[in-house]
Structures are given as structure tokens and as C-alpha cells.
Amino acid sequence: MKVWELFLAPYKQAVDELKVKFKGMRAQFELDGGHSPIEFVTGRVKPTASIIDKAQRKAIPLDKLEAEMQDIAGVRIMCQFVEDIMSMVDLIRARKDFTIIEERDYISSKKESGYRSYHMVIDYPVQTINGEKHILVEIQIRTLAMNFWATIEHSLNYKYKGQFPEDMRKRLERAAEAAFQLDEEMSEIREEIQEAQAIFTKKKEE
């Protein structure tokens, strides 16, 4: 157990630091009086049992985890609107405190299951007492509707171990499309929503 704690410590540090940085970006947008593409930020380090399970499924040797498993550390950025996702991607691309290794657009090209999200894998430098250590972190950027669907699908996936009954698979596909339709409808009235939110915020501050 101690070995795993030592191994995961820099991953936890990376997640904590990135959450602070992204929440700081959101605060800056609020101070500036503009619309923030960030609704809220979460993060986690994959549990040891999940790491071992995935390593076995993907045939990744435990001594190659750092280089070959990209999602031990994960940060999730939730957005109100689909348009906010690419705004966030551009903001991340412009940062100088880490390096982007890979990008996967599951919004323009959704997964067969209906899953939509934008994934970025970054190389993040963590400062430790033993010097600098580079950590792979997966950043997922999605709308609230996409996140609701993905969270439910993830839970069901554990129950069925990836082998969904046909009826359940079709229901999930329909639900994914419904979630995307909701995002599209919200995009159509995005300006009105943002104007109303700005008025509400101003009222609270009076």
C-alpha cells in the first residue's frame, strides 16, 4: 500500500494544482464581468484497484504505467454551452505551464455508444522534494448534459461489464441524442441566458 501511495502522490498533487488553476481562470472571468466557459471543475486520481484492472485489460506492465496509462490523473471541466468547450480548448492550448500530448474530439465524432466529450492529455510538471516529475493528466471538457449522460453510462457499464443488453444500449443511445438536443436548444438561446445570468449576478451584488 505504501508503494502505491508514493506512486500516486504526484498524481494527486497534479490534480489539486490544476483544479486550483482552472478555478482561478473561472474567477478571473467573473471579475472581468464576462461569461466564463467554465461552469465548475472536478478532479480525481484513479483508485489503485481500477489502475490494476485497466493495466490487466490493456496489457500494460505495472512498470510502464507512467508512460502508457494516460488517465491515472483526471480533471473534468464542465461548461454550460457546447460553444464553451472549444473556447476552453483554445485557452488550454495557449497555456505555457504544461504541454499538450494528445487531443481527442468525441463531440464532432461521437463514440458509437453516444458518448460526447473533448479529451486532452497533457504532460504536467510537478515539483517534488526529489525534483521535477512529469505527470500525464487527462482533461475532459463537456457540457452539463453530456456529463449527466456519461455519469449514468459509466455506472451502468460497471453493472453490465460493458456488455449492455440490446434494449439498454438503444435506450442509452436515445438518451445521448436527447442530451445533445438539449445542448443545441440551449445554444439557440445562449445570448438570452447569458444576459439573464448577468442581470441575476448584478442583483445579488447590490
N, C-alpha and C. Protein backbone atom coordinates (compact mmCIF):
# COMPACT_ATOMS: atom_id res chain seq x y z
N MET A 1 0.83 -1.21 0.00
CA MET A 1 0.00 0.00 0.00
C MET A 1 0.86 1.26 0.00
N LYS A 2 1.94 1.24 0.79
CA LYS A 2 2.83 2.41 0.86
C LYS A 2 3.44 2.72 -0.49
N VAL A 3 3.76 1.67 -1.24
CA VAL A 3 4.35 1.86 -2.57
C VAL A 3 3.37 2.59 -3.48
N TRP A 4 2.10 2.19 -3.42
CA TRP A 4 1.08 2.83 -4.25
C TRP A 4 0.86 4.28 -3.81
N GLU A 5 0.89 4.54 -2.52
CA GLU A 5 0.72 5.91 -2.02
C GLU A 5 1.83 6.81 -2.55
N LEU A 6 3.05 6.30 -2.53
CA LEU A 6 4.18 7.07 -3.05
C LEU A 6 4.06 7.29 -4.55
N PHE A 7 3.60 6.26 -5.26
CA PHE A 7 3.45 6.35 -6.70
C PHE A 7 2.38 7.37 -7.09
N LEU A 8 1.27 7.38 -6.35
CA LEU A 8 0.13 8.23 -6.71
C LEU A 8 0.23 9.66 -6.17
N ALA A 9 1.13 9.89 -5.23
CA ALA A 9 1.24 11.22 -4.61
C ALA A 9 1.42 12.36 -5.63
N PRO A 10 2.34 12.23 -6.60
CA PRO A 10 2.47 13.33 -7.57
C PRO A 10 1.25 13.49 -8.47
N TYR A 11 0.53 12.40 -8.71
CA TYR A 11 -0.70 12.50 -9.50
C TYR A 11 -1.75 13.32 -8.74
N LYS A 12 -1.84 13.07 -7.42
CA LYS A 12 -2.79 13.83 -6.60
C LYS A 12 -2.40 15.30 -6.57
N GLN A 13 -1.09 15.55 -6.50
CA GLN A 13 -0.62 16.93 -6.50
C GLN A 13 -0.97 17.61 -7.81
N ALA A 14 -0.79 16.91 -8.92
CA ALA A 14 -1.11 17.48 -10.24
C ALA A 14 -2.58 17.83 -10.34
N VAL A 15 -3.44 16.93 -9.88
CA VAL A 15 -4.89 17.19 -9.94
C VAL A 15 -5.25 18.39 -9.08
N ASP A 16 -4.71 18.44 -7.87
CA ASP A 16 -5.02 19.56 -6.97
C ASP A 16 -4.57 20.89 -7.57
N GLU A 17 -3.38 20.92 -8.15
CA GLU A 17 -2.86 22.15 -8.72
C GLU A 17 -3.68 22.61 -9.93
N LEU A 18 -4.05 21.66 -10.77
CA LEU A 18 -4.82 22.02 -11.96
C LEU A 18 -6.22 22.50 -11.60
N LYS A 19 -6.83 21.89 -10.59
CA LYS A 19 -8.15 22.35 -10.14
C LYS A 19 -8.07 23.81 -9.66
N VAL A 20 -7.03 24.12 -8.92
CA VAL A 20 -6.84 25.50 -8.45
C VAL A 20 -6.67 26.45 -9.63
N LYS A 21 -5.88 26.04 -10.61
CA LYS A 21 -5.62 26.89 -11.76
C LYS A 21 -6.87 27.14 -12.60
N PHE A 22 -7.64 26.09 -12.85
CA PHE A 22 -8.85 26.26 -13.66
C PHE A 22 -9.93 27.03 -12.90
N LYS A 23 -10.03 26.80 -11.60
CA LYS A 23 -10.98 27.57 -10.79
C LYS A 23 -10.55 29.04 -10.76
N GLY A 24 -9.24 29.27 -10.77
CA GLY A 24 -8.72 30.63 -10.83
C GLY A 24 -9.10 31.31 -12.14
N MET A 25 -9.07 30.57 -13.23
CA MET A 25 -9.48 31.11 -14.53
C MET A 25 -10.95 31.52 -14.48
N ARG A 26 -11.78 30.67 -13.86
CA ARG A 26 -13.21 30.99 -13.76
C ARG A 26 -13.40 32.28 -12.96
N ALA A 27 -12.67 32.42 -11.87
CA ALA A 27 -12.78 33.62 -11.05
C ALA A 27 -12.36 34.87 -11.81
N GLN A 28 -11.34 34.72 -12.67
CA GLN A 28 -10.88 35.86 -13.47
C GLN A 28 -11.96 36.31 -14.45
N PHE A 29 -12.65 35.36 -15.07
CA PHE A 29 -13.75 35.71 -15.98
C PHE A 29 -14.85 36.46 -15.21
N GLU A 30 -15.15 36.01 -14.01
CA GLU A 30 -16.19 36.65 -13.21
C GLU A 30 -15.80 38.06 -12.82
N LEU A 31 -14.53 38.26 -12.44
CA LEU A 31 -14.06 39.59 -12.08
C LEU A 31 -14.07 40.52 -13.28
N ASP A 32 -13.80 39.94 -14.44
CA ASP A 32 -13.76 40.72 -15.68
C ASP A 32 -15.18 41.07 -16.16
N GLY A 33 -16.16 40.40 -15.57
CA GLY A 33 -17.55 40.69 -15.95
C GLY A 33 -18.02 39.97 -17.19
N GLY A 34 -17.20 39.04 -17.70
CA GLY A 34 -17.57 38.32 -18.92
C GLY A 34 -18.11 36.93 -18.61
N HIS A 35 -18.61 36.29 -19.65
CA HIS A 35 -19.11 34.91 -19.50
C HIS A 35 -17.94 33.96 -19.34
N SER A 36 -18.01 33.09 -18.34
CA SER A 36 -16.95 32.10 -18.14
C SER A 36 -17.32 30.81 -18.86
N PRO A 37 -16.39 30.27 -19.68
CA PRO A 37 -16.65 28.97 -20.31
C PRO A 37 -16.62 27.83 -19.31
N ILE A 38 -16.13 28.10 -18.10
CA ILE A 38 -16.03 27.08 -17.05
C ILE A 38 -17.21 27.23 -16.10
N GLU A 39 -18.04 26.20 -16.01
CA GLU A 39 -19.12 26.19 -15.03
C GLU A 39 -18.60 25.69 -13.68
N PHE A 40 -17.94 24.53 -13.69
CA PHE A 40 -17.23 24.07 -12.50
C PHE A 40 -16.20 23.01 -12.89
N VAL A 41 -15.31 22.71 -11.95
CA VAL A 41 -14.18 21.81 -12.21
C VAL A 41 -14.14 20.71 -11.16
N THR A 42 -13.92 19.48 -11.59
CA THR A 42 -13.70 18.38 -10.66
C THR A 42 -12.42 17.64 -11.07
N GLY A 43 -11.94 16.80 -10.17
CA GLY A 43 -10.73 16.04 -10.49
C GLY A 43 -10.64 14.82 -9.59
N ARG A 44 -9.90 13.83 -10.06
CA ARG A 44 -9.72 12.62 -9.27
C ARG A 44 -8.47 11.88 -9.72
N VAL A 45 -7.97 11.04 -8.83
CA VAL A 45 -6.92 10.08 -9.17
C VAL A 45 -7.56 8.71 -9.18
N LYS A 46 -7.30 7.95 -10.22
CA LYS A 46 -7.92 6.64 -10.37
C LYS A 46 -7.54 5.74 -9.18
N PRO A 47 -8.52 5.05 -8.58
CA PRO A 47 -8.20 4.15 -7.46
C PRO A 47 -7.24 3.04 -7.88
N THR A 48 -6.47 2.56 -6.93
CA THR A 48 -5.47 1.53 -7.22
C THR A 48 -6.08 0.31 -7.90
N ALA A 49 -7.23 -0.15 -7.40
CA ALA A 49 -7.87 -1.34 -7.98
C ALA A 49 -8.23 -1.11 -9.44
N SER A 50 -8.68 0.10 -9.77
CA SER A 50 -9.04 0.43 -11.16
C SER A 50 -7.81 0.48 -12.05
N ILE A 51 -6.71 0.99 -11.49
CA ILE A 51 -5.45 1.05 -12.25
C ILE A 51 -4.99 -0.36 -12.60
N ILE A 52 -5.00 -1.24 -11.61
CA ILE A 52 -4.56 -2.63 -11.83
C ILE A 52 -5.47 -3.34 -12.82
N ASP A 53 -6.79 -3.14 -12.67
CA ASP A 53 -7.76 -3.76 -13.58
C ASP A 53 -7.54 -3.30 -15.02
N LYS A 54 -7.35 -1.99 -15.21
CA LYS A 54 -7.14 -1.48 -16.56
C LYS A 54 -5.81 -1.95 -17.13
N ALA A 55 -4.79 -2.00 -16.28
CA ALA A 55 -3.47 -2.47 -16.73
C ALA A 55 -3.56 -3.91 -17.24
N GLN A 56 -4.35 -4.73 -16.57
CA GLN A 56 -4.53 -6.12 -17.00
C GLN A 56 -5.30 -6.19 -18.31
N ARG A 57 -6.37 -5.38 -18.42
CA ARG A 57 -7.19 -5.40 -19.64
C ARG A 57 -6.42 -4.89 -20.85
N LYS A 58 -5.57 -3.88 -20.63
CA LYS A 58 -4.83 -3.25 -21.74
C LYS A 58 -3.43 -3.84 -21.90
N ALA A 59 -3.11 -4.84 -21.08
CA ALA A 59 -1.78 -5.49 -21.13
C ALA A 59 -0.66 -4.46 -20.95
N ILE A 60 -0.84 -3.59 -19.95
CA ILE A 60 0.19 -2.59 -19.63
C ILE A 60 0.99 -3.08 -18.44
N PRO A 61 2.29 -3.30 -18.58
CA PRO A 61 3.11 -3.71 -17.43
C PRO A 61 3.08 -2.63 -16.35
N LEU A 62 3.07 -3.03 -15.09
CA LEU A 62 2.99 -2.05 -14.00
C LEU A 62 4.16 -1.09 -13.98
N ASP A 63 5.33 -1.53 -14.50
CA ASP A 63 6.47 -0.61 -14.53
C ASP A 63 6.41 0.36 -15.71
N LYS A 64 5.35 0.26 -16.54
CA LYS A 64 5.18 1.17 -17.68
C LYS A 64 3.94 2.07 -17.51
N LEU A 65 3.35 2.05 -16.32
CA LEU A 65 2.12 2.82 -16.08
C LEU A 65 2.30 4.30 -16.36
N GLU A 66 3.41 4.87 -15.90
CA GLU A 66 3.62 6.31 -16.05
C GLU A 66 3.59 6.75 -17.50
N ALA A 67 4.11 5.92 -18.38
CA ALA A 67 4.21 6.29 -19.79
C ALA A 67 3.00 5.86 -20.61
N GLU A 68 2.33 4.79 -20.20
CA GLU A 68 1.31 4.19 -21.07
C GLU A 68 -0.13 4.34 -20.58
N MET A 69 -0.35 4.74 -19.33
CA MET A 69 -1.72 4.95 -18.86
C MET A 69 -1.94 6.45 -18.69
N GLN A 70 -2.79 7.00 -19.56
CA GLN A 70 -2.93 8.45 -19.63
C GLN A 70 -3.93 9.05 -18.65
N ASP A 71 -4.76 8.22 -18.04
CA ASP A 71 -5.85 8.77 -17.22
C ASP A 71 -5.77 8.39 -15.75
N ILE A 72 -4.58 8.13 -15.24
CA ILE A 72 -4.45 7.90 -13.80
C ILE A 72 -4.89 9.16 -13.06
N ALA A 73 -4.47 10.30 -13.57
CA ALA A 73 -4.94 11.59 -13.06
C ALA A 73 -5.93 12.17 -14.06
N GLY A 74 -7.06 12.63 -13.55
CA GLY A 74 -8.08 13.17 -14.44
C GLY A 74 -8.69 14.45 -13.90
N VAL A 75 -8.88 15.42 -14.79
CA VAL A 75 -9.56 16.67 -14.44
C VAL A 75 -10.72 16.83 -15.41
N ARG A 76 -11.88 17.21 -14.89
CA ARG A 76 -13.07 17.38 -15.74
C ARG A 76 -13.56 18.82 -15.63
N ILE A 77 -13.72 19.45 -16.77
CA ILE A 77 -14.21 20.83 -16.83
C ILE A 77 -15.61 20.82 -17.43
N MET A 78 -16.58 21.33 -16.67
CA MET A 78 -17.96 21.37 -17.13
C MET A 78 -18.28 22.75 -17.67
N CYS A 79 -18.99 22.76 -18.80
CA CYS A 79 -19.36 24.00 -19.47
C CYS A 79 -20.88 24.08 -19.60
N GLN A 80 -21.40 25.29 -19.70
CA GLN A 80 -22.84 25.44 -19.89
C GLN A 80 -23.25 25.13 -21.33
N PHE A 81 -22.43 25.60 -22.29
CA PHE A 81 -22.80 25.50 -23.70
C PHE A 81 -21.73 24.77 -24.51
N VAL A 82 -22.17 24.14 -25.59
CA VAL A 82 -21.23 23.43 -26.47
C VAL A 82 -20.15 24.38 -26.97
N GLU A 83 -20.55 25.63 -27.28
CA GLU A 83 -19.58 26.62 -27.78
C GLU A 83 -18.47 26.89 -26.77
N ASP A 84 -18.78 26.75 -25.48
CA ASP A 84 -17.79 26.98 -24.43
C ASP A 84 -16.66 25.96 -24.48
N ILE A 85 -16.96 24.78 -24.99
CA ILE A 85 -15.96 23.70 -24.99
C ILE A 85 -14.75 24.09 -25.82
N MET A 86 -14.97 24.57 -27.05
CA MET A 86 -13.84 24.95 -27.89
C MET A 86 -13.15 26.21 -27.38
N SER A 87 -13.92 27.08 -26.72
CA SER A 87 -13.29 28.25 -26.09
C SER A 87 -12.31 27.78 -25.03
N MET A 88 -12.73 26.77 -24.27
CA MET A 88 -11.87 26.22 -23.22
C MET A 88 -10.66 25.52 -23.82
N VAL A 89 -10.87 24.79 -24.90
CA VAL A 89 -9.77 24.11 -25.57
C VAL A 89 -8.72 25.13 -26.01
N ASP A 90 -9.17 26.24 -26.58
CA ASP A 90 -8.24 27.28 -27.03
C ASP A 90 -7.48 27.89 -25.86
N LEU A 91 -8.16 28.09 -24.74
CA LEU A 91 -7.50 28.63 -23.55
C LEU A 91 -6.42 27.67 -23.03
N ILE A 92 -6.73 26.39 -23.05
CA ILE A 92 -5.76 25.39 -22.60
C ILE A 92 -4.57 25.32 -23.55
N ARG A 93 -4.84 25.40 -24.85
CA ARG A 93 -3.75 25.37 -25.83
C ARG A 93 -2.79 26.55 -25.65
N ALA A 94 -3.31 27.66 -25.15
CA ALA A 94 -2.50 28.87 -25.01
C ALA A 94 -1.63 28.87 -23.75
N ARG A 95 -1.87 27.94 -22.84
CA ARG A 95 -1.13 27.93 -21.58
C ARG A 95 0.31 27.45 -21.78
N LYS A 96 1.20 27.96 -20.91
CA LYS A 96 2.63 27.64 -21.01
C LYS A 96 3.12 26.76 -19.85
N ASP A 97 2.21 26.40 -18.93
CA ASP A 97 2.66 25.67 -17.74
C ASP A 97 2.55 24.16 -17.90
N PHE A 98 2.15 23.69 -19.06
CA PHE A 98 2.15 22.26 -19.36
C PHE A 98 2.16 22.07 -20.87
N THR A 99 2.35 20.83 -21.30
CA THR A 99 2.43 20.52 -22.73
C THR A 99 1.31 19.58 -23.12
N ILE A 100 0.62 19.90 -24.21
CA ILE A 100 -0.44 19.02 -24.72
C ILE A 100 0.18 17.87 -25.50
N ILE A 101 -0.18 16.66 -25.13
CA ILE A 101 0.36 15.47 -25.79
C ILE A 101 -0.60 14.94 -26.86
N GLU A 102 -1.89 15.01 -26.56
CA GLU A 102 -2.88 14.41 -27.46
C GLU A 102 -4.23 15.08 -27.27
N GLU A 103 -5.02 15.16 -28.35
CA GLU A 103 -6.39 15.66 -28.28
C GLU A 103 -7.32 14.67 -28.98
N ARG A 104 -8.49 14.44 -28.36
CA ARG A 104 -9.48 13.54 -28.98
C ARG A 104 -10.84 14.21 -28.92
N ASP A 105 -11.41 14.47 -30.09
CA ASP A 105 -12.69 15.18 -30.19
C ASP A 105 -13.83 14.18 -30.36
N TYR A 106 -14.50 13.88 -29.23
CA TYR A 106 -15.65 12.99 -29.27
C TYR A 106 -16.97 13.77 -29.34
N ILE A 107 -16.87 15.05 -29.72
CA ILE A 107 -18.07 15.85 -29.91
C ILE A 107 -18.39 15.91 -31.39
N SER A 108 -17.40 16.27 -32.20
CA SER A 108 -17.58 16.24 -33.65
C SER A 108 -17.76 14.81 -34.14
N SER A 109 -17.04 13.89 -33.51
CA SER A 109 -17.14 12.47 -33.85
C SER A 109 -17.44 11.68 -32.58
N LYS A 110 -18.72 11.55 -32.26
CA LYS A 110 -19.12 10.87 -31.03
C LYS A 110 -18.75 9.39 -31.09
N LYS A 111 -18.62 8.78 -29.91
CA LYS A 111 -18.39 7.35 -29.84
C LYS A 111 -19.66 6.61 -30.24
N GLU A 112 -19.51 5.35 -30.60
CA GLU A 112 -20.66 4.54 -31.03
C GLU A 112 -21.75 4.49 -29.96
N SER A 113 -21.35 4.53 -28.71
CA SER A 113 -22.30 4.46 -27.59
C SER A 113 -23.16 5.72 -27.47
N GLY A 114 -22.68 6.81 -28.09
CA GLY A 114 -23.36 8.10 -27.96
C GLY A 114 -22.55 9.07 -27.11
N TYR A 115 -21.44 8.60 -26.54
CA TYR A 115 -20.59 9.41 -25.66
C TYR A 115 -20.03 10.61 -26.41
N ARG A 116 -20.16 11.79 -25.76
CA ARG A 116 -19.59 13.02 -26.32
C ARG A 116 -18.78 13.73 -25.23
N SER A 117 -17.60 14.17 -25.60
CA SER A 117 -16.73 14.91 -24.69
C SER A 117 -15.49 15.29 -25.49
N TYR A 118 -14.74 16.25 -25.01
CA TYR A 118 -13.45 16.60 -25.64
C TYR A 118 -12.35 16.23 -24.66
N HIS A 119 -11.43 15.39 -25.12
CA HIS A 119 -10.34 14.92 -24.26
C HIS A 119 -9.01 15.53 -24.67
N MET A 120 -8.25 15.95 -23.67
CA MET A 120 -6.89 16.42 -23.91
C MET A 120 -5.98 15.72 -22.91
N VAL A 121 -4.87 15.20 -23.38
CA VAL A 121 -3.87 14.59 -22.50
C VAL A 121 -2.69 15.55 -22.43
N ILE A 122 -2.31 15.92 -21.21
CA ILE A 122 -1.21 16.86 -21.05
C ILE A 122 -0.07 16.25 -20.25
N ASP A 123 1.11 16.78 -20.48
CA ASP A 123 2.29 16.45 -19.68
C ASP A 123 2.45 17.60 -18.69
N TYR A 124 2.20 17.30 -17.41
CA TYR A 124 2.19 18.35 -16.39
C TYR A 124 3.39 18.19 -15.45
N PRO A 125 4.22 19.23 -15.30
CA PRO A 125 5.38 19.13 -14.41
C PRO A 125 5.01 19.39 -12.95
N VAL A 126 5.30 18.44 -12.10
CA VAL A 126 5.04 18.58 -10.66
C VAL A 126 6.38 18.77 -9.96
N GLN A 127 6.41 19.74 -9.05
CA GLN A 127 7.63 19.99 -8.28
C GLN A 127 7.57 19.16 -6.99
N THR A 128 8.52 18.26 -6.83
CA THR A 128 8.56 17.41 -5.63
C THR A 128 9.87 17.66 -4.88
N ILE A 129 9.98 17.08 -3.70
CA ILE A 129 11.22 17.25 -2.92
C ILE A 129 12.40 16.57 -3.61
N ASN A 130 12.10 15.68 -4.55
CA ASN A 130 13.16 14.99 -5.30
C ASN A 130 13.38 15.59 -6.68
N GLY A 131 12.79 16.76 -6.91
CA GLY A 131 12.95 17.41 -8.21
C GLY A 131 11.65 17.39 -9.02
N GLU A 132 11.76 17.81 -10.26
CA GLU A 132 10.58 17.89 -11.12
C GLU A 132 10.19 16.52 -11.67
N LYS A 133 8.87 16.24 -11.65
CA LYS A 133 8.36 14.97 -12.17
C LYS A 133 7.24 15.27 -13.15
N HIS A 134 7.30 14.67 -14.32
CA HIS A 134 6.29 14.91 -15.34
C HIS A 134 5.17 13.86 -15.25
N ILE A 135 3.95 14.35 -15.15
CA ILE A 135 2.78 13.51 -14.94
C ILE A 135 1.82 13.65 -16.13
N LEU A 136 1.31 12.52 -16.64
CA LEU A 136 0.27 12.56 -17.67
C LEU A 136 -1.08 12.79 -16.98
N VAL A 137 -1.82 13.76 -17.47
CA VAL A 137 -3.16 14.06 -16.93
C VAL A 137 -4.14 14.14 -18.09
N GLU A 138 -5.29 13.49 -17.92
CA GLU A 138 -6.34 13.59 -18.93
C GLU A 138 -7.34 14.66 -18.50
N ILE A 139 -7.58 15.62 -19.39
CA ILE A 139 -8.58 16.66 -19.14
C ILE A 139 -9.79 16.37 -20.02
N GLN A 140 -10.95 16.26 -19.42
CA GLN A 140 -12.20 16.05 -20.16
C GLN A 140 -13.01 17.34 -20.07
N ILE A 141 -13.47 17.81 -21.23
CA ILE A 141 -14.27 19.04 -21.28
C ILE A 141 -15.62 18.68 -21.89
N ARG A 142 -16.69 18.99 -21.19
CA ARG A 142 -18.02 18.60 -21.67
C ARG A 142 -19.08 19.52 -21.09
N THR A 143 -20.28 19.46 -21.66
CA THR A 143 -21.39 20.23 -21.11
C THR A 143 -22.00 19.47 -19.93
N LEU A 144 -22.87 20.16 -19.21
CA LEU A 144 -23.56 19.54 -18.09
C LEU A 144 -24.42 18.37 -18.56
N ALA A 145 -25.07 18.54 -19.73
CA ALA A 145 -25.92 17.47 -20.26
C ALA A 145 -25.07 16.26 -20.66
N MET A 146 -23.94 16.50 -21.31
CA MET A 146 -23.04 15.40 -21.68
C MET A 146 -22.54 14.68 -20.44
N ASN A 147 -22.25 15.44 -19.39
CA ASN A 147 -21.73 14.85 -18.17
C ASN A 147 -22.79 13.99 -17.47
N PHE A 148 -24.03 14.45 -17.47
CA PHE A 148 -25.11 13.67 -16.87
C PHE A 148 -25.21 12.30 -17.55
N TRP A 149 -25.21 12.31 -18.89
CA TRP A 149 -25.32 11.05 -19.63
C TRP A 149 -24.10 10.16 -19.35
N ALA A 150 -22.91 10.74 -19.42
CA ALA A 150 -21.68 9.96 -19.25
C ALA A 150 -21.59 9.34 -17.86
N THR A 151 -22.05 10.08 -16.84
CA THR A 151 -22.02 9.56 -15.47
C THR A 151 -22.93 8.35 -15.32
N ILE A 152 -24.14 8.44 -15.89
CA ILE A 152 -25.08 7.32 -15.83
C ILE A 152 -24.54 6.12 -16.61
N GLU A 153 -24.03 6.38 -17.81
CA GLU A 153 -23.49 5.29 -18.64
C GLU A 153 -22.32 4.59 -17.96
N HIS A 154 -21.49 5.39 -17.27
CA HIS A 154 -20.33 4.83 -16.58
C HIS A 154 -20.77 3.89 -15.46
N SER A 155 -21.80 4.29 -14.72
CA SER A 155 -22.32 3.45 -13.64
C SER A 155 -22.90 2.15 -14.18
N LEU A 156 -23.69 2.26 -15.25
CA LEU A 156 -24.29 1.07 -15.85
C LEU A 156 -23.24 0.15 -16.45
N ASN A 157 -22.16 0.76 -16.93
CA ASN A 157 -21.08 -0.03 -17.54
C ASN A 157 -20.45 -0.97 -16.52
N TYR A 158 -20.35 -0.50 -15.27
CA TYR A 158 -19.82 -1.35 -14.21
C TYR A 158 -20.77 -2.51 -13.94
N LYS A 159 -22.07 -2.23 -13.95
CA LYS A 159 -23.05 -3.28 -13.68
C LYS A 159 -23.01 -4.36 -14.75
N TYR A 160 -22.98 -3.92 -16.02
CA TYR A 160 -23.05 -4.88 -17.13
C TYR A 160 -21.68 -5.26 -17.68
N LYS A 161 -20.62 -4.69 -17.08
CA LYS A 161 -19.24 -5.01 -17.51
C LYS A 161 -19.06 -4.78 -19.02
N GLY A 162 -19.67 -3.70 -19.51
CA GLY A 162 -19.51 -3.31 -20.92
C GLY A 162 -20.39 -4.07 -21.89
N GLN A 163 -21.10 -5.10 -21.42
CA GLN A 163 -21.96 -5.90 -22.30
C GLN A 163 -23.43 -5.52 -22.05
N PHE A 164 -23.84 -4.39 -22.62
CA PHE A 164 -25.21 -3.92 -22.38
C PHE A 164 -26.23 -4.78 -23.12
N PRO A 165 -27.37 -5.08 -22.47
CA PRO A 165 -28.48 -5.71 -23.19
C PRO A 165 -28.90 -4.78 -24.34
N GLU A 166 -29.41 -5.35 -25.41
CA GLU A 166 -29.75 -4.55 -26.59
C GLU A 166 -30.72 -3.42 -26.26
N ASP A 167 -31.74 -3.72 -25.45
CA ASP A 167 -32.71 -2.70 -25.10
C ASP A 167 -32.06 -1.55 -24.33
N MET A 168 -31.16 -1.88 -23.40
CA MET A 168 -30.47 -0.85 -22.63
C MET A 168 -29.55 -0.03 -23.53
N ARG A 169 -28.86 -0.69 -24.45
CA ARG A 169 -27.96 0.02 -25.38
C ARG A 169 -28.74 1.05 -26.21
N LYS A 170 -29.90 0.65 -26.72
CA LYS A 170 -30.71 1.56 -27.54
C LYS A 170 -31.23 2.72 -26.71
N ARG A 171 -31.63 2.43 -25.46
CA ARG A 171 -32.12 3.50 -24.58
C ARG A 171 -31.01 4.52 -24.31
N LEU A 172 -29.80 4.02 -24.08
CA LEU A 172 -28.68 4.92 -23.83
C LEU A 172 -28.36 5.76 -25.06
N GLU A 173 -28.45 5.16 -26.23
CA GLU A 173 -28.22 5.92 -27.47
C GLU A 173 -29.26 7.03 -27.62
N ARG A 174 -30.52 6.70 -27.34
CA ARG A 174 -31.58 7.71 -27.45
C ARG A 174 -31.38 8.81 -26.41
N ALA A 175 -30.96 8.42 -25.21
CA ALA A 175 -30.72 9.39 -24.15
C ALA A 175 -29.57 10.32 -24.52
N ALA A 176 -28.54 9.77 -25.15
CA ALA A 176 -27.40 10.58 -25.58
C ALA A 176 -27.84 11.62 -26.61
N GLU A 177 -28.71 11.20 -27.54
CA GLU A 177 -29.20 12.14 -28.55
C GLU A 177 -30.09 13.19 -27.91
N ALA A 178 -30.88 12.79 -26.93
CA ALA A 178 -31.74 13.75 -26.22
C ALA A 178 -30.89 14.79 -25.50
N ALA A 179 -29.80 14.34 -24.87
CA ALA A 179 -28.90 15.25 -24.17
C ALA A 179 -28.27 16.24 -25.15
N PHE A 180 -27.91 15.73 -26.33
CA PHE A 180 -27.29 16.60 -27.35
C PHE A 180 -28.31 17.60 -27.89
N GLN A 181 -29.57 17.15 -28.05
CA GLN A 181 -30.62 18.06 -28.49
C GLN A 181 -30.83 19.17 -27.46
N LEU A 182 -30.75 18.82 -26.18
CA LEU A 182 -30.86 19.83 -25.13
C LEU A 182 -29.75 20.86 -25.26
N ASP A 183 -28.52 20.40 -25.49
CA ASP A 183 -27.40 21.32 -25.68
C ASP A 183 -27.63 22.24 -26.87
N GLU A 184 -28.15 21.69 -27.95
CA GLU A 184 -28.39 22.50 -29.14
C GLU A 184 -29.47 23.55 -28.89
N GLU A 185 -30.52 23.16 -28.16
CA GLU A 185 -31.59 24.11 -27.83
C GLU A 185 -31.05 25.23 -26.94
N MET A 186 -30.22 24.89 -25.98
CA MET A 186 -29.64 25.91 -25.10
C MET A 186 -28.72 26.85 -25.88
N SER A 187 -28.04 26.31 -26.88
CA SER A 187 -27.16 27.14 -27.71
C SER A 187 -27.96 28.17 -28.50
N GLU A 188 -29.17 27.78 -28.91
CA GLU A 188 -30.03 28.68 -29.68
C GLU A 188 -30.43 29.91 -28.87
N ILE A 189 -30.56 29.75 -27.56
CA ILE A 189 -30.97 30.88 -26.72
C ILE A 189 -29.83 31.30 -25.77
N ARG A 190 -28.61 31.01 -26.19
CA ARG A 190 -27.44 31.26 -25.34
C ARG A 190 -27.31 32.73 -24.94
N GLU A 191 -27.51 33.64 -25.88
CA GLU A 191 -27.34 35.06 -25.57
C GLU A 191 -28.35 35.53 -24.53
N GLU A 192 -29.60 35.06 -24.66
CA GLU A 192 -30.62 35.44 -23.69
C GLU A 192 -30.31 34.88 -22.31
N ILE A 193 -29.81 33.63 -22.27
CA ILE A 193 -29.45 33.00 -20.99
C ILE A 193 -28.31 33.77 -20.32
N GLN A 194 -27.28 34.11 -21.10
CA GLN A 194 -26.14 34.82 -20.53
C GLN A 194 -26.53 36.21 -20.04
N GLU A 195 -27.43 36.87 -20.78
CA GLU A 195 -27.90 38.19 -20.37
C GLU A 195 -28.67 38.09 -19.05
N ALA A 196 -29.53 37.08 -18.94
CA ALA A 196 -30.31 36.87 -17.71
C ALA A 196 -29.39 36.56 -16.54
N GLN A 197 -28.36 35.74 -16.79
CA GLN A 197 -27.43 35.38 -15.71
C GLN A 197 -26.64 36.61 -15.25
N ALA A 198 -26.27 37.48 -16.19
CA ALA A 198 -25.54 38.70 -15.84
C ALA A 198 -26.41 39.62 -14.98
N ILE A 199 -27.70 39.74 -15.32
CA ILE A 199 -28.62 40.56 -14.54
C ILE A 199 -28.78 39.98 -13.14
N PHE A 200 -28.92 38.65 -13.05
CA PHE A 200 -29.08 37.98 -11.76
C PHE A 200 -27.87 38.20 -10.88
N THR A 201 -26.67 38.09 -11.47
CA THR A 201 -25.43 38.27 -10.72
C THR A 201 -25.32 39.69 -10.20
N LYS A 202 -25.69 40.65 -11.05
CA LYS A 202 -25.63 42.05 -10.66
C LYS A 202 -26.59 42.33 -9.50
N LYS A 203 -27.79 41.73 -9.55
CA LYS A 203 -28.78 41.91 -8.49
C LYS A 203 -28.26 41.39 -7.15
N LYS A 204 -27.56 40.24 -7.20
CA LYS A 204 -27.04 39.65 -5.96
C LYS A 204 -25.99 40.54 -5.32
N GLU A 205 -25.25 41.28 -6.16
CA GLU A 205 -24.15 42.11 -5.66
C GLU A 205 -24.63 43.45 -5.13
N GLU A 206 -25.89 43.83 -5.42
CA GLU A 206 -26.41 45.13 -4.98
C GLU A 206 -26.73 45.13 -3.48
